[in-house]
Amino acid sequence: MKFLASCGEIPTSNENDKKMSGEFIDRQHATNDWRITIGNDYFETRINDLSNGCCSYKLVKNGDVILEMFPGSVTSNPNRGFWNIEGKLVWELAGYKQIIVVDGIDYNEKYQLEGSYFPYEIKGKLIYIAKKNGKFHIVYDEKIIGTEFDSISMAYCCGMISVYYGNGQYWFVGRRGGTEYVVSIR
């Protein structure tokens, strides 16, 4: 963290970031669900407890279930975020399987990814990390940018170095060929 801080101010959410984010639904048993309105449509997530202790999540548009996802669960909340990016709903789920859903489309399936992680918006375009063929890539505006990495430090909980985004910036630490790189995208 000291090294990252020496590169500049680590990004945090600003007012624009908060405006594009959904809000937690305040209802009994729904502390992990989200709600957002985009144009004339409203979207929600709904956790559906299964008998084996794991969860499925439903994406609801205008009261109708349009998608059900099974990310599995680890120790943290898999239902990570809900945003309006480019007028599209972006939903992040992170369990045993990390998934980004954009306007009801699972990007892992669409792009044959092993995982999709940490969506954010820079200059009106979606940016995220994609894992394909065992390598990690940065995807911006639906195109891979830069070089691939053997690993990228990503923490969904606990004290690891993670991906930091906010205020129009996207920072991460990637490893390629035994060398670590601090990457800042603006």
Protein backbone atom coordinates (compact mmCIF):
# COMPACT_ATOMS: atom_id res chain seq x y z
CA MET A 1 0.00 0.00 0.00
CA LYS A 2 2.88 2.37 0.74
CA PHE A 3 4.26 1.76 -2.74
CA LEU A 4 0.86 2.33 -4.34
CA ALA A 5 0.41 5.55 -2.37
CA SER A 6 3.81 6.75 -3.63
CA CYS A 7 2.42 6.57 -7.18
CA GLY A 8 -0.29 9.12 -6.38
CA GLU A 9 -3.55 9.33 -4.53
CA ILE A 10 -5.26 5.93 -4.55
CA PRO A 11 -8.65 6.38 -6.23
CA THR A 12 -11.84 6.41 -4.18
CA SER A 13 -15.46 6.99 -5.18
CA ASN A 14 -16.56 10.52 -5.93
CA GLU A 15 -20.07 11.98 -6.36
CA ASN A 16 -20.30 10.88 -10.02
CA ASP A 17 -19.43 7.31 -9.00
CA LYS A 18 -22.12 7.36 -6.33
CA LYS A 19 -24.72 8.63 -8.84
CA MET A 20 -24.15 5.66 -11.17
CA SER A 21 -24.35 3.11 -8.33
CA GLY A 22 -27.48 1.30 -7.22
CA GLU A 23 -28.75 1.32 -3.67
CA PHE A 24 -29.27 -1.46 -1.17
CA ILE A 25 -32.88 -2.51 -0.80
CA ASP A 26 -34.12 -2.08 2.74
CA ARG A 27 -36.49 -4.97 3.33
CA GLN A 28 -36.46 -7.92 5.68
CA HIS A 29 -33.97 -10.64 4.62
CA ALA A 30 -32.69 -8.50 1.72
CA THR A 31 -29.58 -6.85 3.09
CA ASN A 32 -27.62 -8.05 0.06
CA ASP A 33 -30.03 -6.97 -2.68
CA TRP A 34 -29.75 -3.94 -4.97
CA ARG A 35 -32.12 -1.57 -6.77
CA ILE A 36 -31.52 0.94 -9.56
CA THR A 37 -33.61 2.85 -12.11
CA ILE A 38 -32.29 3.39 -15.63
CA GLY A 39 -34.55 5.42 -17.88
CA ASN A 40 -38.08 4.05 -17.44
CA ASP A 41 -36.91 0.66 -16.18
CA TYR A 42 -36.23 -0.41 -12.62
CA PHE A 43 -33.98 -3.32 -11.75
CA GLU A 44 -33.46 -5.32 -8.57
CA THR A 45 -31.47 -8.30 -7.44
CA ARG A 46 -33.05 -10.91 -5.25
CA ILE A 47 -31.19 -13.52 -3.28
CA ASN A 48 -32.79 -16.94 -3.35
CA ASP A 49 -31.53 -19.22 -0.56
CA LEU A 50 -31.21 -22.84 -1.60
CA SER A 51 -31.50 -25.77 0.78
CA ASN A 52 -27.79 -26.62 0.58
CA GLY A 53 -26.78 -23.24 2.06
CA CYS A 54 -25.63 -21.69 -1.19
CA CYS A 55 -27.43 -19.03 -3.13
CA SER A 56 -28.82 -18.11 -6.46
CA TYR A 57 -29.42 -14.50 -7.43
CA LYS A 58 -32.23 -13.27 -9.62
CA LEU A 59 -32.11 -10.18 -11.79
CA VAL A 60 -35.52 -8.52 -11.92
CA LYS A 61 -36.54 -5.92 -14.51
CA ASN A 62 -39.81 -4.05 -13.95
CA GLY A 63 -41.01 -6.83 -11.62
CA ASP A 64 -40.17 -9.75 -13.95
CA VAL A 65 -37.27 -12.16 -13.39
CA ILE A 66 -35.04 -11.97 -16.48
CA LEU A 67 -31.98 -13.91 -15.30
CA GLU A 68 -30.88 -16.24 -12.51
CA MET A 69 -27.19 -16.63 -11.62
CA PHE A 70 -25.37 -19.15 -9.40
CA PRO A 71 -22.00 -17.62 -8.45
CA GLY A 72 -21.50 -19.79 -5.38
CA SER A 73 -20.50 -18.23 -2.13
CA VAL A 74 -17.31 -17.75 -0.21
CA THR A 75 -17.05 -15.71 2.96
CA SER A 76 -18.14 -12.35 1.59
CA ASN A 77 -21.30 -11.17 -0.14
CA PRO A 78 -21.27 -12.37 -3.78
CA ASN A 79 -23.73 -9.64 -4.83
CA ARG A 80 -21.01 -6.99 -5.22
CA GLY A 81 -22.44 -4.11 -7.18
CA PHE A 82 -25.10 -2.65 -9.43
CA TRP A 83 -24.36 0.31 -11.72
CA ASN A 84 -25.68 2.40 -14.56
CA ILE A 85 -22.76 2.54 -17.01
CA GLU A 86 -23.45 4.01 -20.46
CA GLY A 87 -27.18 3.69 -19.76
CA LYS A 88 -26.73 -0.07 -19.31
CA LEU A 89 -27.22 -2.09 -16.16
CA VAL A 90 -23.92 -3.59 -14.96
CA TRP A 91 -24.13 -6.21 -12.21
CA GLU A 92 -21.12 -7.82 -10.51
CA LEU A 93 -21.29 -11.17 -8.73
CA ALA A 94 -18.22 -12.66 -7.06
CA GLY A 95 -18.29 -16.11 -5.48
CA TYR A 96 -16.58 -19.27 -6.66
CA LYS A 97 -17.31 -17.83 -10.07
CA GLN A 98 -16.77 -14.10 -10.81
CA ILE A 99 -19.33 -12.71 -13.22
CA ILE A 100 -20.23 -9.40 -14.82
CA VAL A 101 -23.71 -9.11 -16.33
CA VAL A 102 -24.37 -6.20 -18.71
CA ASP A 103 -27.99 -5.53 -19.68
CA GLY A 104 -28.90 -9.11 -18.76
CA ILE A 105 -26.01 -10.72 -20.66
CA ASP A 106 -23.43 -12.81 -18.78
CA TYR A 107 -20.08 -11.58 -20.16
CA ASN A 108 -18.36 -14.84 -19.20
CA GLU A 109 -20.66 -16.67 -21.60
CA LYS A 110 -20.68 -13.97 -24.28
CA TYR A 111 -16.88 -13.71 -24.48
CA GLN A 112 -16.05 -17.27 -23.27
CA LEU A 113 -14.25 -15.97 -20.18
CA GLU A 114 -13.10 -17.88 -17.12
CA GLY A 115 -14.03 -14.84 -15.03
CA SER A 116 -14.87 -11.15 -15.25
CA TYR A 117 -14.05 -8.79 -12.41
CA PHE A 118 -14.28 -5.25 -11.00
CA PRO A 119 -16.37 -3.29 -13.54
CA TYR A 120 -16.08 0.48 -13.58
CA GLU A 121 -16.70 3.39 -15.95
CA ILE A 122 -14.03 5.66 -17.41
CA LYS A 123 -15.04 8.40 -19.83
CA GLY A 124 -18.45 6.81 -20.38
CA LYS A 125 -17.07 3.35 -21.25
CA LEU A 126 -17.04 0.09 -19.29
CA ILE A 127 -13.67 -1.18 -18.05
CA TYR A 128 -13.10 -4.52 -16.30
CA ILE A 129 -10.65 -7.39 -15.84
CA ALA A 130 -11.20 -10.56 -17.89
CA LYS A 131 -9.58 -13.96 -17.45
CA LYS A 132 -9.26 -16.05 -20.59
CA ASN A 133 -6.99 -19.01 -21.28
CA GLY A 134 -5.45 -18.61 -17.82
CA LYS A 135 -4.30 -15.01 -18.48
CA PHE A 136 -5.72 -11.70 -17.27
CA HIS A 137 -6.59 -8.82 -19.59
CA ILE A 138 -8.02 -5.33 -19.22
CA VAL A 139 -11.11 -4.78 -21.35
CA TYR A 140 -12.17 -1.22 -22.15
CA ASP A 141 -15.09 -0.40 -24.46
CA GLU A 142 -15.36 -4.13 -25.33
CA LYS A 143 -11.72 -4.29 -26.54
CA ILE A 144 -8.66 -5.78 -24.82
CA ILE A 145 -6.16 -3.02 -24.11
CA GLY A 146 -2.52 -3.30 -23.09
CA THR A 147 -0.66 -6.52 -22.43
CA GLU A 148 -1.81 -9.65 -20.64
CA PHE A 149 -0.86 -10.55 -17.08
CA ASP A 150 -0.18 -13.88 -15.39
CA SER A 151 -2.06 -12.59 -12.35
CA ILE A 152 -3.72 -9.45 -11.04
CA SER A 153 -4.09 -8.83 -7.32
CA MET A 154 -7.83 -8.77 -6.63
CA ALA A 155 -9.36 -8.91 -3.16
CA TYR A 156 -13.07 -9.15 -2.51
CA CYS A 157 -12.44 -9.13 1.21
CA CYS A 158 -9.56 -9.15 3.64
CA GLY A 159 -6.28 -7.28 3.59
CA MET A 160 -4.81 -7.99 0.15
CA ILE A 161 -3.96 -5.37 -2.42
CA SER A 162 -6.98 -5.09 -4.67
CA VAL A 163 -8.24 -3.21 -7.67
CA TYR A 164 -8.89 0.42 -6.79
CA TYR A 165 -11.25 2.52 -8.83
CA GLY A 166 -13.02 5.81 -8.50
CA ASN A 167 -12.82 9.40 -9.61
CA GLY A 168 -12.30 8.31 -13.24
CA GLN A 169 -9.30 6.08 -12.43
CA TYR A 170 -8.65 2.31 -12.39
CA TRP A 171 -5.56 1.00 -10.55
CA PHE A 172 -4.24 -2.52 -10.10
CA VAL A 173 -1.09 -4.53 -9.51
CA GLY A 174 -0.39 -7.13 -12.18
CA ARG A 175 2.32 -9.75 -12.46
CA ARG A 176 3.87 -10.83 -15.75
CA GLY A 177 6.96 -13.00 -16.09
CA GLY A 178 7.96 -12.62 -12.43
CA THR A 179 7.76 -8.80 -12.48
CA GLU A 180 5.03 -6.80 -10.75
CA TYR A 181 3.57 -3.71 -12.39
CA VAL A 182 1.45 -0.96 -10.89
CA VAL A 183 -1.00 0.12 -13.58
CA SER A 184 -3.07 3.30 -13.50
CA ILE A 185 -5.67 3.86 -16.21
CA ARG A 186 -7.38 7.24 -16.49
